[in-house]
């Protein structure tokens, strides 16, 4: 960064005054950009946990475990055989749990 040595220099007090004025100006600029939002409208769009979903119907088809899949004995998720890390007797462990 180039420095202009011929420019008039400011004292520490002048520099601090300028910076305070700049901060005040920035604070007012930030506040002017705020948008007034109706809290009631915002609250209506939120869905609370534990909401009554008894009238909802699921449209997911559940398939039984396929021949090329296994259930991990650690996380109990169904994975493809390519995700099998090790087989210890009856215990099948997936790569994520290994």
C-alpha atoms as a PDB file:
ATOM      1  CA  UNK A   1       0.000   0.000   0.000  1.00  0.00           C
ATOM      2  CA  UNK A   2       1.401   3.375  -0.978  1.00  0.00           C
ATOM      3  CA  UNK A   3       1.789   6.067   1.660  1.00  0.00           C
ATOM      4  CA  UNK A   4       1.513   9.757   0.885  1.00  0.00           C
ATOM      5  CA  UNK A   5       4.110  11.374   3.118  1.00  0.00           C
ATOM      6  CA  UNK A   6       3.139  14.897   2.002  1.00  0.00           C
ATOM      7  CA  UNK A   7      -0.444  14.594   3.249  1.00  0.00           C
ATOM      8  CA  UNK A   8      -1.277  16.406   6.502  1.00  0.00           C
ATOM      9  CA  UNK A   9      -1.063  14.096   9.485  1.00  0.00           C
ATOM     10  CA  UNK A  10      -3.732  13.739  12.112  1.00  0.00           C
ATOM     11  CA  UNK A  11      -3.148  13.329  15.810  1.00  0.00           C
ATOM     12  CA  UNK A  12      -4.363  10.282  17.741  1.00  0.00           C
ATOM     13  CA  UNK A  13      -7.372  12.236  19.048  1.00  0.00           C
ATOM     14  CA  UNK A  14      -8.464  13.300  15.568  1.00  0.00           C
ATOM     15  CA  UNK A  15      -8.164   9.741  14.303  1.00  0.00           C
ATOM     16  CA  UNK A  16     -10.230   8.365  17.192  1.00  0.00           C
ATOM     17  CA  UNK A  17     -12.886  11.073  16.690  1.00  0.00           C
ATOM     18  CA  UNK A  18     -13.152  10.188  13.027  1.00  0.00           C
ATOM     19  CA  UNK A  19     -13.495   6.520  13.782  1.00  0.00           C
ATOM     20  CA  UNK A  20     -16.239   7.139  16.352  1.00  0.00           C
ATOM     21  CA  UNK A  21     -18.134   9.286  13.859  1.00  0.00           C
ATOM     22  CA  UNK A  22     -17.720   6.596  11.213  1.00  0.00           C
ATOM     23  CA  UNK A  23     -19.007   3.945  13.601  1.00  0.00           C
ATOM     24  CA  UNK A  24     -22.063   6.051  14.435  1.00  0.00           C
ATOM     25  CA  UNK A  25     -22.750   6.557  10.741  1.00  0.00           C
ATOM     26  CA  UNK A  26     -22.436   2.836  10.063  1.00  0.00           C
ATOM     27  CA  UNK A  27     -24.776   2.026  12.945  1.00  0.00           C
ATOM     28  CA  UNK A  28     -27.455   4.283  11.475  1.00  0.00           C
ATOM     29  CA  UNK A  29     -26.940   2.732   8.038  1.00  0.00           C
ATOM     30  CA  UNK A  30     -27.459  -0.769   9.429  1.00  0.00           C
ATOM     31  CA  UNK A  31     -30.629   0.249  11.263  1.00  0.00           C
ATOM     32  CA  UNK A  32     -32.076   1.906   8.181  1.00  0.00           C
ATOM     33  CA  UNK A  33     -31.901  -1.403   6.289  1.00  0.00           C
ATOM     34  CA  UNK A  34     -34.130  -3.262   8.745  1.00  0.00           C
ATOM     35  CA  UNK A  35     -37.472  -4.449   7.500  1.00  0.00           C
ATOM     36  CA  UNK A  36     -40.464  -4.268   9.794  1.00  0.00           C
ATOM     37  CA  UNK A  37     -41.920  -7.759   9.951  1.00  0.00           C
ATOM     38  CA  UNK A  38     -45.299  -8.612  11.343  1.00  0.00           C
ATOM     39  CA  UNK A  39     -44.681 -11.094  14.155  1.00  0.00           C
ATOM     40  CA  UNK A  40     -48.105 -12.673  13.767  1.00  0.00           C
ATOM     41  CA  UNK A  41     -47.480 -13.473  10.097  1.00  0.00           C
ATOM     42  CA  UNK A  42     -44.062 -14.901  10.899  1.00  0.00           C
ATOM     43  CA  UNK A  43     -45.467 -17.059  13.702  1.00  0.00           C
ATOM     44  CA  UNK A  44     -48.169 -18.540  11.460  1.00  0.00           C
ATOM     45  CA  UNK A  45     -45.597 -20.027   9.102  1.00  0.00           C
ATOM     46  CA  UNK A  46     -43.771 -21.939  11.864  1.00  0.00           C
ATOM     47  CA  UNK A  47     -44.751 -25.496  12.582  1.00  0.00           C
ATOM     48  CA  UNK A  48     -44.210 -26.555  16.153  1.00  0.00           C
ATOM     49  CA  UNK A  49     -42.759 -29.962  17.057  1.00  0.00           C
ATOM     50  CA  UNK A  50     -45.387 -32.343  18.334  1.00  0.00           C
ATOM     51  CA  UNK A  51     -48.058 -30.869  16.080  1.00  0.00           C
ATOM     52  CA  UNK A  52     -51.147 -32.973  15.393  1.00  0.00           C
ATOM     53  CA  UNK A  53     -50.456 -34.892  12.190  1.00  0.00           C
ATOM     54  CA  UNK A  54     -53.262 -37.432  12.581  1.00  0.00           C
ATOM     55  CA  UNK A  55     -55.026 -36.146   9.457  1.00  0.00           C
ATOM     56  CA  UNK A  56     -51.880 -36.581   7.318  1.00  0.00           C
ATOM     57  CA  UNK A  57     -51.434 -39.671   5.160  1.00  0.00           C
ATOM     58  CA  UNK A  58     -48.056 -41.100   4.211  1.00  0.00           C
ATOM     59  CA  UNK A  59     -47.441 -42.225   0.662  1.00  0.00           C
ATOM     60  CA  UNK A  60     -44.226 -44.208   1.178  1.00  0.00           C
ATOM     61  CA  UNK A  61     -43.986 -47.792   0.069  1.00  0.00           C
ATOM     62  CA  UNK A  62     -41.944 -49.953   2.445  1.00  0.00           C
ATOM     63  CA  UNK A  63     -40.055 -52.819   0.846  1.00  0.00           C
ATOM     64  CA  UNK A  64     -38.707 -55.839   2.705  1.00  0.00           C
ATOM     65  CA  UNK A  65     -34.938 -56.306   2.911  1.00  0.00           C
ATOM     66  CA  UNK A  66     -33.573 -57.510  -0.422  1.00  0.00           C
ATOM     67  CA  UNK A  67     -31.205 -60.434  -0.916  1.00  0.00           C
ATOM     68  CA  UNK A  68     -28.241 -58.114  -1.575  1.00  0.00           C
ATOM     69  CA  UNK A  69     -28.830 -56.090   1.618  1.00  0.00           C
ATOM     70  CA  UNK A  70     -28.035 -56.609   5.289  1.00  0.00           C
ATOM     71  CA  UNK A  71     -29.016 -55.038   8.605  1.00  0.00           C
ATOM     72  CA  UNK A  72     -26.106 -53.653  10.603  1.00  0.00           C
ATOM     73  CA  UNK A  73     -26.104 -55.030  14.144  1.00  0.00           C
ATOM     74  CA  UNK A  74     -24.647 -51.774  15.470  1.00  0.00           C
ATOM     75  CA  UNK A  75     -26.799 -49.000  13.918  1.00  0.00           C
ATOM     76  CA  UNK A  76     -29.695 -51.266  12.792  1.00  0.00           C
ATOM     77  CA  UNK A  77     -29.854 -49.655   9.350  1.00  0.00           C
ATOM     78  CA  UNK A  78     -30.300 -51.640   6.154  1.00  0.00           C
ATOM     79  CA  UNK A  79     -27.296 -51.331   3.827  1.00  0.00           C
ATOM     80  CA  UNK A  80     -26.223 -52.799   0.512  1.00  0.00           C
ATOM     81  CA  UNK A  81     -23.692 -55.666   0.707  1.00  0.00           C
ATOM     82  CA  UNK A  82     -21.012 -53.336  -0.677  1.00  0.00           C
ATOM     83  CA  UNK A  83     -21.203 -51.440   2.650  1.00  0.00           C
ATOM     84  CA  UNK A  84     -20.339 -54.544   4.695  1.00  0.00           C
ATOM     85  CA  UNK A  85     -17.142 -53.931   6.678  1.00  0.00           C
ATOM     86  CA  UNK A  86     -16.878 -57.222   8.531  1.00  0.00           C
ATOM     87  CA  UNK A  87     -18.876 -60.278   9.392  1.00  0.00           C
ATOM     88  CA  UNK A  88     -18.235 -61.761  12.806  1.00  0.00           C
ATOM     89  CA  UNK A  89     -20.360 -64.867  13.210  1.00  0.00           C
ATOM     90  CA  UNK A  90     -23.938 -63.578  13.101  1.00  0.00           C
ATOM     91  CA  UNK A  91     -22.879 -59.941  13.517  1.00  0.00           C
ATOM     92  CA  UNK A  92     -22.841 -57.860  10.346  1.00  0.00           C
ATOM     93  CA  UNK A  93     -21.179 -54.448  10.736  1.00  0.00           C
ATOM     94  CA  UNK A  94     -21.422 -51.658   8.163  1.00  0.00           C
ATOM     95  CA  UNK A  95     -18.509 -49.479   7.028  1.00  0.00           C
ATOM     96  CA  UNK A  96     -19.830 -46.450   8.950  1.00  0.00           C
ATOM     97  CA  UNK A  97     -19.903 -48.314  12.273  1.00  0.00           C
ATOM     98  CA  UNK A  98     -16.587 -50.134  11.794  1.00  0.00           C
END
